[in-house]
Amino acid sequence: MFLKSLLRLHSYRKFDYQPRYYNEQKEQREQRLQEKRLIRDTEKRISFRTGWHAESKMHSSSSSSFRIAIIAGVLILISFFILRSLKIDLY
């Protein structure tokens, strides 16, 4: 009995699902709608990305200009104090 169950090959079950209804026009319509959604989503993603990139570039440009102005002001003040401590007339 035990030997018989050891040597027996297991049979695999098959899944034989047959769809009851198939509407080819509906399938094609759903495929076209899915393609249109995909195109629309990629266009939205691209427009969002370009808008965000332009905005971040403008923001970084203005912040870098402000940073350069502050650095230039600090350097001018430092050079003024150095020249004053050396007692060099500027005028």
Foldseek 3Di string as FASTA:
>chain_A
DVVVVVPDDDDDDDDDDDDPDDDPVVVVVVVVVVVVVVVVVVVVVVVVVVVVVVVVVVVVVVVVVVVVVVVVVVVVVVVVVVCVVVVDDPD
